[in-house]
Amino acid sequence: MTINFEQVHNYYERLVLEDVIRLSYDHPEFDDDMLTDVACIALNRLPARYVRHDVDLMFFLTEQERQIIDQWISEALAFGFALVAERTGSTRRAVAG
């Protein structure tokens, strides 16, 4: 028997990576490695939520739950940008959101 697990992924990955790309324009002092670190830090601050299809999860979420997820992601990214800026000596204060 062959089982295909390729569709299984952490729901937050795509959302966090898209937001890191979006926020990178506000942080030109962050290079690719720093942005990758921000994504990893943010993802490690979020609960693991594995799904096969994003739409399956979205169907069952209430609007309030979606807003909470957005807030969690925003806070995790703010922490990630601030931590990477602090650890790398970035002169600009990092704020995500």
N, C-alpha and C. Protein backbone atom coordinates (compact mmCIF):
# COMPACT_ATOMS: atom_id res chain seq x y z
N MET A 1 0.84 -1.17 0.00
CA MET A 1 0.00 0.00 0.00
C MET A 1 0.89 1.25 0.00
N THR A 2 0.56 2.21 -0.85
CA THR A 2 1.27 3.47 -0.93
C THR A 2 0.36 4.59 -0.41
N ILE A 3 0.88 5.35 0.53
CA ILE A 3 0.12 6.46 1.10
C ILE A 3 0.82 7.75 0.71
N ASN A 4 0.06 8.69 0.20
CA ASN A 4 0.60 9.97 -0.25
C ASN A 4 0.34 11.03 0.83
N PHE A 5 1.42 11.48 1.48
CA PHE A 5 1.31 12.50 2.52
C PHE A 5 1.73 13.89 2.02
N GLU A 6 1.92 14.04 0.73
CA GLU A 6 2.44 15.30 0.19
C GLU A 6 1.52 16.49 0.45
N GLN A 7 0.24 16.26 0.61
CA GLN A 7 -0.69 17.36 0.83
C GLN A 7 -0.73 17.81 2.29
N VAL A 8 -0.20 17.03 3.20
CA VAL A 8 -0.24 17.37 4.62
C VAL A 8 0.77 18.49 4.89
N HIS A 9 0.29 19.55 5.54
CA HIS A 9 1.18 20.68 5.85
C HIS A 9 0.63 21.45 7.04
N ASN A 10 1.49 22.28 7.60
CA ASN A 10 1.10 23.14 8.71
C ASN A 10 0.32 24.32 8.11
N TYR A 11 -0.89 24.51 8.57
CA TYR A 11 -1.78 25.55 8.05
C TYR A 11 -1.12 26.93 8.11
N TYR A 12 -0.34 27.20 9.14
CA TYR A 12 0.23 28.53 9.32
C TYR A 12 1.40 28.84 8.39
N GLU A 13 2.03 27.83 7.80
CA GLU A 13 3.22 28.06 6.99
C GLU A 13 2.98 29.05 5.86
N ARG A 14 2.00 28.81 5.04
CA ARG A 14 1.74 29.69 3.90
C ARG A 14 1.40 31.10 4.36
N LEU A 15 0.57 31.21 5.40
CA LEU A 15 0.18 32.52 5.90
C LEU A 15 1.38 33.31 6.41
N VAL A 16 2.24 32.65 7.19
CA VAL A 16 3.42 33.31 7.74
C VAL A 16 4.39 33.69 6.62
N LEU A 17 4.65 32.80 5.70
CA LEU A 17 5.59 33.10 4.62
C LEU A 17 5.10 34.25 3.75
N GLU A 18 3.81 34.27 3.46
CA GLU A 18 3.25 35.38 2.68
C GLU A 18 3.40 36.71 3.43
N ASP A 19 3.16 36.68 4.74
CA ASP A 19 3.29 37.90 5.53
C ASP A 19 4.74 38.35 5.66
N VAL A 20 5.67 37.41 5.76
CA VAL A 20 7.09 37.79 5.81
C VAL A 20 7.47 38.48 4.51
N ILE A 21 7.03 37.96 3.40
CA ILE A 21 7.32 38.59 2.10
C ILE A 21 6.70 39.98 2.06
N ARG A 22 5.44 40.11 2.47
CA ARG A 22 4.77 41.40 2.47
C ARG A 22 5.49 42.40 3.37
N LEU A 23 5.87 41.96 4.57
CA LEU A 23 6.51 42.84 5.53
C LEU A 23 7.98 43.13 5.20
N SER A 24 8.58 42.31 4.35
CA SER A 24 9.99 42.52 4.01
C SER A 24 10.22 43.87 3.36
N TYR A 25 9.22 44.41 2.68
CA TYR A 25 9.37 45.72 2.04
C TYR A 25 9.49 46.84 3.08
N ASP A 26 8.95 46.59 4.28
CA ASP A 26 9.07 47.56 5.37
C ASP A 26 10.39 47.42 6.12
N HIS A 27 11.16 46.36 5.80
CA HIS A 27 12.41 46.06 6.49
C HIS A 27 13.51 45.77 5.47
N PRO A 28 13.90 46.79 4.70
CA PRO A 28 14.91 46.56 3.66
C PRO A 28 16.27 46.15 4.22
N GLU A 29 16.49 46.39 5.52
CA GLU A 29 17.76 46.01 6.14
C GLU A 29 17.84 44.50 6.43
N PHE A 30 16.74 43.79 6.28
CA PHE A 30 16.72 42.34 6.51
C PHE A 30 17.06 41.63 5.20
N ASP A 31 18.11 40.81 5.23
CA ASP A 31 18.45 40.02 4.05
C ASP A 31 17.64 38.72 4.05
N ASP A 32 17.84 37.90 3.04
CA ASP A 32 17.06 36.66 2.90
C ASP A 32 17.22 35.74 4.11
N ASP A 33 18.44 35.62 4.62
CA ASP A 33 18.67 34.76 5.78
C ASP A 33 17.92 35.28 7.01
N MET A 34 17.93 36.58 7.19
CA MET A 34 17.23 37.17 8.34
C MET A 34 15.72 36.95 8.22
N LEU A 35 15.18 37.09 7.01
CA LEU A 35 13.75 36.89 6.80
C LEU A 35 13.36 35.42 7.02
N THR A 36 14.25 34.53 6.62
CA THR A 36 14.00 33.11 6.88
C THR A 36 13.99 32.84 8.37
N ASP A 37 14.90 33.47 9.10
CA ASP A 37 14.91 33.33 10.56
C ASP A 37 13.62 33.87 11.17
N VAL A 38 13.15 35.01 10.68
CA VAL A 38 11.89 35.58 11.18
C VAL A 38 10.75 34.58 10.99
N ALA A 39 10.68 33.97 9.81
CA ALA A 39 9.62 33.00 9.53
C ALA A 39 9.71 31.81 10.49
N CYS A 40 10.90 31.30 10.71
CA CYS A 40 11.07 30.16 11.61
C CYS A 40 10.68 30.52 13.04
N ILE A 41 11.11 31.68 13.50
CA ILE A 41 10.77 32.11 14.86
C ILE A 41 9.27 32.25 15.00
N ALA A 42 8.64 32.90 14.03
CA ALA A 42 7.18 33.09 14.09
C ALA A 42 6.46 31.74 14.08
N LEU A 43 6.85 30.85 13.20
CA LEU A 43 6.19 29.54 13.12
C LEU A 43 6.35 28.74 14.41
N ASN A 44 7.51 28.86 15.04
CA ASN A 44 7.73 28.15 16.30
C ASN A 44 6.93 28.72 17.45
N ARG A 45 6.43 29.93 17.31
CA ARG A 45 5.59 30.54 18.35
C ARG A 45 4.11 30.20 18.16
N LEU A 46 3.77 29.65 17.02
CA LEU A 46 2.38 29.31 16.73
C LEU A 46 2.13 27.82 16.99
N PRO A 47 0.89 27.48 17.33
CA PRO A 47 0.60 26.05 17.53
C PRO A 47 0.66 25.32 16.19
N ALA A 48 1.06 24.09 16.22
CA ALA A 48 1.07 23.28 14.99
C ALA A 48 -0.38 22.95 14.65
N ARG A 49 -0.73 23.16 13.40
CA ARG A 49 -2.10 22.87 12.96
C ARG A 49 -1.98 22.27 11.56
N TYR A 50 -1.91 20.97 11.52
CA TYR A 50 -1.71 20.29 10.25
C TYR A 50 -3.03 19.98 9.58
N VAL A 51 -3.06 20.23 8.28
CA VAL A 51 -4.25 20.01 7.47
C VAL A 51 -3.83 19.38 6.15
N ARG A 52 -4.81 18.86 5.48
CA ARG A 52 -4.58 18.35 4.13
C ARG A 52 -4.91 19.44 3.12
N HIS A 53 -6.01 20.14 3.36
CA HIS A 53 -6.44 21.24 2.50
C HIS A 53 -6.81 22.42 3.38
N ASP A 54 -6.27 23.60 3.09
CA ASP A 54 -6.57 24.79 3.88
C ASP A 54 -8.07 25.07 3.94
N VAL A 55 -8.74 24.85 2.83
CA VAL A 55 -10.17 25.15 2.76
C VAL A 55 -10.96 24.30 3.76
N ASP A 56 -10.49 23.10 4.08
CA ASP A 56 -11.19 22.27 5.06
C ASP A 56 -11.21 22.93 6.43
N LEU A 57 -10.09 23.52 6.82
CA LEU A 57 -10.02 24.21 8.11
C LEU A 57 -10.84 25.49 8.06
N MET A 58 -10.69 26.27 7.00
CA MET A 58 -11.38 27.55 6.90
C MET A 58 -12.90 27.37 6.97
N PHE A 59 -13.40 26.28 6.46
CA PHE A 59 -14.84 26.02 6.47
C PHE A 59 -15.38 25.93 7.89
N PHE A 60 -14.59 25.39 8.80
CA PHE A 60 -15.05 25.16 10.16
C PHE A 60 -14.71 26.29 11.13
N LEU A 61 -13.95 27.29 10.70
CA LEU A 61 -13.59 28.40 11.58
C LEU A 61 -14.67 29.47 11.60
N THR A 62 -14.90 30.04 12.76
CA THR A 62 -15.80 31.18 12.86
C THR A 62 -15.00 32.44 12.52
N GLU A 63 -15.69 33.54 12.30
CA GLU A 63 -15.01 34.80 12.02
C GLU A 63 -14.12 35.20 13.19
N GLN A 64 -14.59 34.96 14.40
CA GLN A 64 -13.79 35.28 15.59
C GLN A 64 -12.51 34.45 15.62
N GLU A 65 -12.59 33.17 15.27
CA GLU A 65 -11.40 32.31 15.25
C GLU A 65 -10.42 32.78 14.18
N ARG A 66 -10.93 33.23 13.04
CA ARG A 66 -10.05 33.76 11.98
C ARG A 66 -9.32 35.01 12.46
N GLN A 67 -10.03 35.87 13.17
CA GLN A 67 -9.40 37.08 13.70
C GLN A 67 -8.34 36.74 14.74
N ILE A 68 -8.60 35.74 15.56
CA ILE A 68 -7.62 35.31 16.56
C ILE A 68 -6.37 34.78 15.87
N ILE A 69 -6.55 33.99 14.82
CA ILE A 69 -5.41 33.45 14.07
C ILE A 69 -4.60 34.60 13.47
N ASP A 70 -5.28 35.58 12.89
CA ASP A 70 -4.57 36.75 12.33
C ASP A 70 -3.78 37.47 13.41
N GLN A 71 -4.36 37.60 14.60
CA GLN A 71 -3.67 38.27 15.70
C GLN A 71 -2.46 37.47 16.14
N TRP A 72 -2.61 36.14 16.27
CA TRP A 72 -1.49 35.28 16.65
C TRP A 72 -0.33 35.43 15.67
N ILE A 73 -0.67 35.41 14.38
CA ILE A 73 0.36 35.52 13.35
C ILE A 73 1.05 36.88 13.43
N SER A 74 0.27 37.92 13.58
CA SER A 74 0.84 39.27 13.68
C SER A 74 1.78 39.38 14.87
N GLU A 75 1.36 38.85 16.02
CA GLU A 75 2.20 38.90 17.21
C GLU A 75 3.46 38.05 17.05
N ALA A 76 3.33 36.89 16.45
CA ALA A 76 4.48 36.01 16.24
C ALA A 76 5.48 36.67 15.29
N LEU A 77 4.99 37.33 14.25
CA LEU A 77 5.88 38.01 13.32
C LEU A 77 6.54 39.23 13.95
N ALA A 78 5.81 39.97 14.73
CA ALA A 78 6.40 41.12 15.43
C ALA A 78 7.53 40.65 16.33
N PHE A 79 7.30 39.56 17.05
CA PHE A 79 8.34 38.99 17.90
C PHE A 79 9.54 38.56 17.07
N GLY A 80 9.28 37.87 15.95
CA GLY A 80 10.36 37.38 15.09
C GLY A 80 11.19 38.51 14.51
N PHE A 81 10.55 39.55 14.00
CA PHE A 81 11.29 40.68 13.45
C PHE A 81 12.11 41.36 14.54
N ALA A 82 11.51 41.55 15.71
CA ALA A 82 12.22 42.23 16.81
C ALA A 82 13.41 41.41 17.28
N LEU A 83 13.23 40.10 17.42
CA LEU A 83 14.31 39.25 17.89
C LEU A 83 15.47 39.21 16.89
N VAL A 84 15.15 39.06 15.63
CA VAL A 84 16.22 39.02 14.61
C VAL A 84 16.93 40.37 14.55
N ALA A 85 16.18 41.46 14.64
CA ALA A 85 16.80 42.78 14.64
C ALA A 85 17.73 42.94 15.83
N GLU A 86 17.28 42.49 16.98
CA GLU A 86 18.09 42.59 18.20
C GLU A 86 19.35 41.75 18.10
N ARG A 87 19.22 40.54 17.62
CA ARG A 87 20.35 39.61 17.57
C ARG A 87 21.35 39.95 16.48
N THR A 88 20.90 40.67 15.45
CA THR A 88 21.81 41.00 14.36
C THR A 88 22.30 42.44 14.44
N GLY A 89 21.79 43.17 15.43
CA GLY A 89 22.22 44.55 15.60
C GLY A 89 21.63 45.50 14.58
N SER A 90 20.47 45.14 14.03
CA SER A 90 19.82 46.01 13.08
C SER A 90 19.52 47.35 13.76
N THR A 91 19.83 48.44 13.07
CA THR A 91 19.69 49.76 13.67
C THR A 91 18.24 50.25 13.64
N ARG A 92 17.44 49.68 12.81
CA ARG A 92 16.04 50.10 12.70
C ARG A 92 15.18 49.25 13.60
N ARG A 93 14.27 49.85 14.32
CA ARG A 93 13.38 49.10 15.20
C ARG A 93 12.41 48.30 14.33
N ALA A 94 12.33 47.01 14.59
CA ALA A 94 11.48 46.14 13.79
C ALA A 94 10.09 46.05 14.41
N VAL A 95 9.10 46.36 13.61
CA VAL A 95 7.71 46.24 14.05
C VAL A 95 6.93 45.62 12.90
N ALA A 96 6.23 44.53 13.19
CA ALA A 96 5.42 43.86 12.17
C ALA A 96 3.96 44.12 12.49
N GLY A 97 3.15 44.10 11.46
CA GLY A 97 1.72 44.21 11.71
C GLY A 97 0.97 44.93 10.70
